[in-house]
């Protein structure tokens, strides 16, 4: 469901709300949630779930093009954990047709094309050891 679909559903459920008012309501709620997370707060909506922040420590990464070592700084990333009621409701709902995930695409385990092409260009290195 997109934000515009949510606005339409809200306006349809509450006929006294104009579409513009429903849009303002959804934007206000999402802005307040974003602001709370940006300030480091946790958001808990009973029966739905909670939004929090996970901390990723700084690490040393590599530039894939040059192989050069790069310091990746610490990050805070948003995290959602579904509540018990939501998990149970989703579990009771109709099963998803085989081979289709929530966005209508097949979710197979196939490697993306770019990764397959990269692997074809750069075969895995073989480590040879000599027996003395």
Protein backbone atom coordinates (compact mmCIF):
# COMPACT_ATOMS: atom_id res chain seq x y z
CA UNK A 1 0.00 0.00 0.00
CA UNK A 2 1.33 3.41 -0.94
CA UNK A 3 0.80 6.68 0.92
CA UNK A 4 -1.76 7.85 -1.66
CA UNK A 5 -3.68 4.57 -1.32
CA UNK A 6 -3.71 5.04 2.46
CA UNK A 7 -5.07 8.58 2.03
CA UNK A 8 -7.82 7.32 -0.31
CA UNK A 9 -8.77 4.52 2.10
CA UNK A 10 -8.91 6.96 5.04
CA UNK A 11 -11.10 9.38 3.08
CA UNK A 12 -13.41 6.53 2.00
CA UNK A 13 -13.76 5.23 5.57
CA UNK A 14 -14.55 8.66 6.99
CA UNK A 15 -16.84 10.44 4.48
CA UNK A 16 -16.78 13.67 6.51
CA UNK A 17 -13.06 13.99 5.64
CA UNK A 18 -12.15 15.60 2.36
CA UNK A 19 -9.34 13.95 0.42
CA UNK A 20 -7.16 16.98 1.17
CA UNK A 21 -7.82 16.64 4.92
CA UNK A 22 -7.01 12.93 4.86
CA UNK A 23 -3.76 13.73 3.00
CA UNK A 24 -2.80 16.34 5.61
CA UNK A 25 -3.59 13.87 8.42
CA UNK A 26 -1.42 11.11 6.97
CA UNK A 27 1.46 13.54 6.26
CA UNK A 28 1.24 14.95 9.80
CA UNK A 29 1.38 11.49 11.38
CA UNK A 30 4.29 10.34 9.20
CA UNK A 31 6.20 13.59 9.80
CA UNK A 32 5.74 13.25 13.57
CA UNK A 33 6.96 9.65 13.45
CA UNK A 34 9.98 10.59 11.31
CA UNK A 35 10.85 13.46 13.61
CA UNK A 36 10.60 11.25 16.71
CA UNK A 37 12.93 8.66 15.17
CA UNK A 38 15.36 11.37 14.04
CA UNK A 39 15.44 12.63 17.65
CA UNK A 40 16.32 9.12 18.84
CA UNK A 41 12.93 8.21 20.33
CA UNK A 42 11.13 4.89 20.09
CA UNK A 43 7.57 4.69 18.72
CA UNK A 44 5.17 2.04 19.98
CA UNK A 45 1.70 1.51 18.51
CA UNK A 46 -0.12 -1.15 20.54
CA UNK A 47 -1.36 -4.05 18.44
CA UNK A 48 0.63 -2.88 15.40
CA UNK A 49 4.30 -2.76 16.31
CA UNK A 50 7.19 -0.58 17.33
CA UNK A 51 9.71 1.52 15.49
CA UNK A 52 13.15 1.94 16.95
CA UNK A 53 16.72 2.62 15.97
CA UNK A 54 19.50 0.11 15.51
CA UNK A 55 23.05 1.31 15.82
CA UNK A 56 25.60 0.10 13.29
CA UNK A 57 29.15 0.52 14.59
CA UNK A 58 31.88 2.10 12.45
CA UNK A 59 33.78 -0.36 10.30
CA UNK A 60 36.44 -0.57 7.66
CA UNK A 61 35.02 -1.30 4.22
CA UNK A 62 36.52 -1.51 0.76
CA UNK A 63 35.91 0.57 -2.33
CA UNK A 64 34.74 -2.12 -4.79
CA UNK A 65 36.30 -0.31 -7.76
CA UNK A 66 39.79 0.33 -6.40
CA UNK A 67 39.98 -2.11 -3.48
CA UNK A 68 41.08 0.80 -1.28
CA UNK A 69 40.20 0.62 2.42
CA UNK A 70 37.51 3.11 3.44
CA UNK A 71 36.30 4.01 6.94
CA UNK A 72 32.50 3.63 7.07
CA UNK A 73 31.14 5.82 9.90
CA UNK A 74 28.67 4.74 12.57
CA UNK A 75 25.03 4.79 11.47
CA UNK A 76 21.61 4.76 13.12
CA UNK A 77 19.04 2.91 11.02
CA UNK A 78 15.27 2.65 11.60
CA UNK A 79 13.92 -0.77 12.55
CA UNK A 80 10.32 -2.04 12.72
CA UNK A 81 9.19 -4.92 14.88
CA UNK A 82 5.65 -6.18 14.34
CA UNK A 83 3.43 -6.50 17.40
CA UNK A 84 1.82 -9.75 18.50
CA UNK A 85 -1.65 -8.86 17.16
CA UNK A 86 -0.27 -7.88 13.73
CA UNK A 87 1.83 -11.05 13.49
CA UNK A 88 -1.18 -13.20 14.37
CA UNK A 89 -3.46 -11.36 11.93
CA UNK A 90 -0.96 -11.73 9.09
CA UNK A 91 -0.49 -15.40 9.94
CA UNK A 92 -4.27 -16.02 9.77
CA UNK A 93 -4.68 -14.16 6.46
CA UNK A 94 -4.91 -15.79 3.04
CA UNK A 95 -1.70 -17.42 1.82
CA UNK A 96 0.30 -15.62 -0.87
CA UNK A 97 0.30 -17.47 -4.24
CA UNK A 98 3.45 -19.52 -4.79
CA UNK A 99 6.31 -17.59 -6.37
CA UNK A 100 4.88 -14.12 -5.66
CA UNK A 101 5.88 -11.83 -2.83
CA UNK A 102 4.03 -8.76 -1.54
CA UNK A 103 4.92 -6.52 -4.47
CA UNK A 104 3.88 -8.97 -7.21
CA UNK A 105 7.39 -10.08 -8.13
CA UNK A 106 8.66 -13.61 -7.88
CA UNK A 107 10.91 -13.88 -4.90
CA UNK A 108 13.10 -16.79 -5.97
CA UNK A 109 16.63 -17.31 -4.80
CA UNK A 110 18.16 -16.47 -8.17
CA UNK A 111 21.12 -14.12 -8.07
CA UNK A 112 20.46 -10.68 -9.61
CA UNK A 113 21.70 -10.23 -13.17
CA UNK A 114 24.39 -7.72 -12.16
CA UNK A 115 25.91 -10.19 -9.68
CA UNK A 116 25.83 -13.00 -12.27
CA UNK A 117 27.56 -10.77 -14.82
CA UNK A 118 30.21 -9.67 -12.33
CA UNK A 119 30.91 -13.27 -11.40
CA UNK A 120 31.28 -14.19 -15.07
CA UNK A 121 33.82 -11.38 -15.59
CA UNK A 122 35.76 -12.18 -12.43
CA UNK A 123 35.92 -15.90 -11.71
CA UNK A 124 36.75 -16.86 -8.12
CA UNK A 125 40.43 -16.83 -7.21
CA UNK A 126 42.03 -20.16 -6.61
CA UNK A 127 44.56 -20.45 -3.82
CA UNK A 128 47.35 -22.84 -4.62
CA UNK A 129 49.51 -24.29 -1.89
CA UNK A 130 52.73 -26.12 -2.55
CA UNK A 131 53.65 -29.18 -0.65
CA UNK A 132 57.32 -28.97 0.44
